[in-house]
Protein backbone atom coordinates (compact mmCIF):
# COMPACT_ATOMS: atom_id res chain seq x y z
CA MET A 1 0.00 0.01 0.00
CA SER A 2 1.03 3.59 -0.55
CA ARG A 3 -0.36 7.00 0.36
CA ILE A 4 -1.90 7.09 -3.11
CA THR A 5 -3.69 3.73 -2.93
CA ASP A 6 -4.88 4.57 0.60
CA VAL A 7 -7.01 7.38 -0.88
CA PHE A 8 -9.24 5.03 -2.89
CA LYS A 9 -11.77 3.64 -0.43
CA PRO A 10 -14.87 1.79 -1.77
CA GLY A 11 -17.44 4.29 -2.96
CA TYR A 12 -15.21 7.31 -2.32
CA LYS A 13 -14.47 9.69 -5.17
CA ALA A 14 -10.99 11.20 -5.17
CA LEU A 15 -10.27 14.84 -5.98
CA ILE A 16 -6.87 15.31 -7.59
CA ALA A 17 -5.42 18.78 -8.27
CA TYR A 18 -2.61 19.85 -10.58
CA LEU A 19 -0.42 22.96 -10.21
CA THR A 20 2.73 23.98 -12.04
CA ILE A 21 5.57 24.46 -9.56
CA GLY A 22 6.79 28.04 -9.54
CA TYR A 23 3.75 29.65 -11.19
CA PRO A 24 3.12 32.42 -10.53
CA SER A 25 5.84 31.98 -7.89
CA ILE A 26 7.29 29.34 -5.58
CA GLU A 27 5.56 31.04 -2.64
CA ALA A 28 2.21 31.02 -4.45
CA THR A 29 2.61 27.32 -5.27
CA GLN A 30 3.26 26.44 -1.65
CA LYS A 31 0.33 28.54 -0.43
CA ALA A 32 -2.02 27.09 -3.06
CA VAL A 33 -1.04 23.49 -2.28
CA SER A 34 -1.79 24.05 1.39
CA ILE A 35 -5.20 25.53 0.51
CA LEU A 36 -6.00 22.64 -1.84
CA SER A 37 -5.08 20.11 0.79
CA ARG A 38 -7.25 21.76 3.46
CA SER A 39 -10.17 22.27 1.05
CA GLY A 40 -10.74 18.63 0.13
CA CYS A 41 -8.07 17.59 -2.38
CA ASP A 42 -6.94 14.00 -1.83
CA ILE A 43 -3.87 14.00 -4.07
CA ILE A 44 -1.88 16.88 -5.51
CA GLU A 45 0.11 16.74 -8.74
CA LEU A 46 3.12 19.05 -8.85
CA GLY A 47 4.03 19.93 -12.43
CA ILE A 48 7.71 20.15 -13.25
CA PRO A 49 8.12 22.96 -15.80
CA PHE A 50 9.31 21.88 -19.24
CA SER A 51 10.06 23.80 -22.43
CA ASP A 52 7.95 21.59 -24.70
CA PRO A 53 4.92 20.31 -22.73
CA LEU A 54 3.28 18.40 -25.58
CA ALA A 55 0.20 17.21 -23.66
CA ASP A 56 -0.66 20.61 -22.20
CA GLY A 57 -2.89 23.36 -23.47
CA VAL A 58 -2.32 27.12 -23.42
CA THR A 59 -2.91 27.65 -19.67
CA ILE A 60 -0.35 25.11 -18.48
CA GLN A 61 2.06 25.91 -21.31
CA LYS A 62 2.11 29.54 -20.20
CA ALA A 63 2.55 28.56 -16.56
CA SER A 64 5.42 26.25 -17.44
CA TYR A 65 7.11 28.90 -19.58
CA ASN A 66 6.86 31.52 -16.85
CA ALA A 67 8.18 29.14 -14.21
CA LEU A 68 11.17 28.31 -16.43
CA GLN A 69 11.82 32.03 -16.92
CA GLN A 70 12.07 32.31 -13.14
CA GLY A 71 14.68 29.57 -13.05
CA VAL A 72 12.54 26.73 -11.68
CA THR A 73 14.53 23.52 -12.23
CA PRO A 74 13.86 19.87 -11.31
CA GLN A 75 16.12 20.44 -8.28
CA ALA A 76 13.98 23.41 -7.20
CA CYS A 77 10.88 21.22 -7.61
CA LEU A 78 12.40 18.63 -5.31
CA GLU A 79 13.04 21.31 -2.72
CA VAL A 80 9.44 22.55 -2.94
CA ALA A 81 8.13 19.00 -2.54
CA TYR A 82 10.32 18.43 0.50
CA GLN A 83 9.07 21.64 2.14
CA LEU A 84 5.45 20.69 1.45
CA ARG A 85 5.92 17.18 2.80
CA GLN A 86 7.17 18.59 6.13
CA ARG A 87 3.74 20.09 6.79
CA MET A 88 1.21 17.79 5.13
CA ALA A 89 0.36 14.14 4.67
CA THR A 90 -1.52 14.58 1.38
CA PRO A 91 -0.08 12.34 -1.38
CA LEU A 92 2.14 14.27 -3.78
CA ILE A 93 2.82 13.26 -7.38
CA PHE A 94 5.36 14.74 -9.77
CA MET A 95 3.93 15.27 -13.25
CA GLY A 96 6.68 15.93 -15.74
CA TYR A 97 8.16 15.05 -19.07
CA TYR A 98 10.74 12.38 -19.66
CA ASN A 99 13.75 14.40 -20.90
CA PRO A 100 14.48 16.32 -17.67
CA ILE A 101 14.15 13.10 -15.67
CA LEU A 102 16.48 11.25 -18.04
CA SER A 103 19.00 14.12 -17.84
CA PHE A 104 18.84 14.00 -14.03
CA GLY A 105 19.36 10.22 -14.08
CA LEU A 106 16.44 7.82 -13.56
CA ASP A 107 17.69 6.27 -10.35
CA SER A 108 18.95 9.58 -9.02
CA PHE A 109 15.65 11.33 -9.74
CA CYS A 110 13.53 8.58 -8.21
CA GLN A 111 15.73 8.41 -5.14
CA ALA A 112 15.63 12.21 -4.69
CA SER A 113 11.85 12.23 -5.23
CA ALA A 114 11.33 9.57 -2.58
CA LYS A 115 13.54 11.49 -0.14
CA ALA A 116 11.52 14.65 -0.85
CA GLY A 117 8.28 12.85 0.06
CA ILE A 118 6.90 12.31 -3.45
CA ASP A 119 4.59 9.28 -3.79
CA GLY A 120 4.27 8.84 -7.53
CA LEU A 121 5.18 9.96 -11.04
CA ILE A 122 3.07 10.78 -14.11
CA ILE A 123 5.11 11.11 -17.33
CA PRO A 124 2.70 11.95 -20.18
CA ASP A 125 5.22 11.44 -22.98
CA LEU A 126 6.47 8.04 -21.71
CA PRO A 127 4.70 5.14 -23.48
CA PRO A 128 4.65 1.85 -21.55
CA GLU A 129 6.68 0.19 -24.31
CA GLU A 130 9.59 2.44 -23.33
CA GLY A 131 8.88 2.67 -19.59
CA GLY A 132 10.71 -0.39 -18.28
CA GLU A 133 13.79 1.42 -16.95
CA LEU A 134 11.82 4.10 -15.13
CA GLU A 135 9.40 1.49 -13.79
CA ALA A 136 12.35 -0.37 -12.27
CA SER A 137 13.76 2.78 -10.70
CA ALA A 138 10.34 3.85 -9.40
CA ARG A 139 9.76 0.42 -7.89
CA LYS A 140 13.19 0.45 -6.23
CA PHE A 141 12.31 3.67 -4.38
CA LYS A 142 8.64 2.79 -3.76
CA LEU A 143 7.15 5.34 -6.14
CA ASN A 144 3.95 4.64 -8.07
CA LEU A 145 4.47 5.13 -11.84
CA ILE A 146 1.07 6.09 -13.22
CA TYR A 147 0.32 5.62 -16.91
CA LEU A 148 -2.17 7.42 -19.11
CA LEU A 149 -4.83 6.06 -21.48
CA ALA A 150 -6.73 8.01 -24.14
CA PRO A 151 -10.07 7.26 -25.83
CA THR A 152 -8.04 6.24 -28.88
CA SER A 153 -5.98 3.65 -26.96
CA THR A 154 -6.12 0.19 -28.46
CA GLU A 155 -7.31 -2.86 -26.50
CA GLU A 156 -3.69 -4.04 -26.45
CA ARG A 157 -2.55 -0.75 -24.91
CA VAL A 158 -5.36 -0.84 -22.36
CA GLY A 159 -4.36 -4.37 -21.34
CA MET A 160 -0.70 -3.44 -21.06
CA ILE A 161 -1.36 -0.41 -18.85
CA ALA A 162 -3.85 -2.38 -16.76
CA LYS A 163 -0.97 -4.69 -15.90
CA ARG A 164 1.65 -2.03 -15.24
CA SER A 165 0.19 1.23 -13.97
CA GLN A 166 0.52 1.71 -10.20
CA GLY A 167 -1.63 3.75 -7.82
CA PHE A 168 -4.29 4.50 -10.42
CA ILE A 169 -4.73 4.85 -14.18
CA TYR A 170 -5.00 8.38 -15.61
CA LEU A 171 -7.76 8.47 -18.21
CA VAL A 172 -7.54 11.35 -20.67
CA SER A 173 -11.14 12.38 -21.26
CA LEU A 174 -10.59 13.40 -24.88
CA THR A 175 -8.04 13.49 -27.64
CA GLY A 176 -6.04 16.69 -27.54
CA VAL A 177 -4.37 18.72 -24.81
CA THR A 178 -5.20 19.84 -21.31
CA GLY A 179 -7.48 22.81 -20.73
CA ALA A 180 -10.77 23.83 -19.14
CA ARG A 181 -13.71 23.10 -21.43
CA GLN A 182 -17.41 23.85 -21.47
CA THR A 183 -18.44 20.26 -22.23
CA LEU A 184 -17.02 16.79 -21.95
CA PRO A 185 -17.30 14.20 -24.75
CA PRO A 186 -20.49 12.12 -24.86
CA GLU A 187 -18.50 8.89 -25.23
CA LEU A 188 -16.62 9.42 -21.93
CA GLU A 189 -18.71 6.93 -19.95
CA ASP A 190 -18.19 4.21 -22.57
CA PHE A 191 -14.43 4.83 -22.47
CA VAL A 192 -14.28 4.44 -18.70
CA LYS A 193 -16.37 1.28 -18.82
CA ARG A 194 -14.12 -0.18 -21.53
CA VAL A 195 -11.02 0.28 -19.37
CA ARG A 196 -12.85 -0.97 -16.29
CA GLN A 197 -13.34 -4.36 -17.99
CA LYS A 198 -9.58 -4.92 -17.93
CA ALA A 199 -8.19 -2.83 -15.08
CA LYS A 200 -8.32 -3.45 -11.34
CA GLN A 201 -6.70 -0.10 -10.47
CA PRO A 202 -8.77 2.99 -9.64
CA LEU A 203 -9.60 5.04 -12.73
CA CYS A 204 -9.22 8.84 -12.59
CA VAL A 205 -10.32 11.16 -15.36
CA GLY A 206 -8.56 14.39 -16.34
CA PHE A 207 -8.33 16.95 -19.20
CA GLY A 208 -11.18 19.41 -19.52
CA ILE A 209 -12.96 19.20 -16.16
CA SER A 210 -13.76 22.75 -15.06
CA THR A 211 -17.10 22.76 -13.24
CA PRO A 212 -18.73 20.92 -10.30
CA GLU A 213 -21.37 19.65 -12.70
CA GLN A 214 -18.74 17.99 -14.90
CA ALA A 215 -17.05 16.57 -11.83
CA LYS A 216 -20.33 15.02 -10.66
CA ARG A 217 -20.91 13.48 -14.07
CA VAL A 218 -17.43 11.92 -14.22
CA ALA A 219 -17.75 10.59 -10.67
CA THR A 220 -20.74 8.44 -11.69
CA VAL A 221 -18.32 6.16 -13.60
CA ALA A 222 -14.77 6.95 -12.42
CA ASP A 223 -13.02 6.73 -9.06
CA GLY A 224 -11.63 10.23 -9.15
CA ILE A 225 -11.29 13.44 -11.15
CA ILE A 226 -8.20 15.47 -12.05
CA VAL A 227 -8.40 19.27 -12.40
CA GLY A 228 -5.54 21.52 -13.42
CA SER A 229 -6.04 24.32 -15.91
CA ARG A 230 -9.06 25.78 -14.15
CA LEU A 231 -7.13 25.93 -10.85
CA ILE A 232 -4.31 27.83 -12.52
CA GLN A 233 -6.78 30.27 -14.09
CA LEU A 234 -8.28 30.94 -10.67
CA MET A 235 -4.81 31.60 -9.22
CA GLU A 236 -4.27 34.17 -12.00
CA GLN A 237 -7.62 35.86 -11.39
CA ASN A 238 -7.37 36.18 -7.62
CA SER A 239 -4.01 36.43 -5.88
CA THR A 240 -5.60 35.94 -2.43
CA LEU A 241 -6.54 32.42 -3.62
CA SER A 242 -10.06 32.74 -2.12
CA SER A 243 -11.59 31.75 -5.48
CA LEU A 244 -9.30 28.73 -5.62
CA LYS A 245 -10.48 27.65 -2.19
CA ALA A 246 -14.18 28.18 -2.95
CA PHE A 247 -13.95 26.28 -6.23
CA THR A 248 -12.11 23.34 -4.64
CA VAL A 249 -14.74 23.13 -1.90
CA SER A 250 -17.47 23.09 -4.58
CA LEU A 251 -15.78 20.22 -6.39
CA ARG A 252 -15.45 18.23 -3.15
CA GLU A 253 -19.14 18.79 -2.41
CA ALA A 254 -20.09 17.69 -5.92
CA LEU A 255 -18.10 14.50 -5.56
CA SER A 256 -19.56 13.78 -2.15
């Protein structure tokens, strides 16, 4: 068992939040994570800024770019994670792209992440066919390596990830990039049910969720929801983070 798997109790719907480390500042990230944790978030993804975030839409791309301009490095992200872990028990996941981790060294990065209090990794540009080395390093340091599935994933890919993803499986609600959207695709429920036939892990849906109503709909079929772009937009709109807190509370209520 891990802090991540402990979240998923029978019938309980997990609320997972994403923030880019260092946007709009390191201090704002730390404050926002604390608010999210106290307002009902069960797991928090900490985004490691990267120059070419292929899976991310405009909001997270901009956040990543700005964080890089401020000099936020993987080492700085490790330090932020360590500071957060000292004051909270909420599971923390690094979400980042493969190149910076490879440059850091797979074993070295996983060891440093574990020491910092990180519980898992999500690497959106790492296909399972190429994930063996990182899986081995993650396993060595007791980190959950979480894989993604998209609606276009083949049955073979679904089966492979059902065997190898740890903690939960990240279901991308639609083809395309991250970003808050007005509507979710009508075939979402069928996609979740298709994966459920092969996977024993909890299934969490991300990409596009931006309202309590959407969260409630997803929770009828999935075990958790993942929200990122909308949270970053709220941080931009209100530096006191009161809107971030109110929105997070509204999501938790919708899931409950």
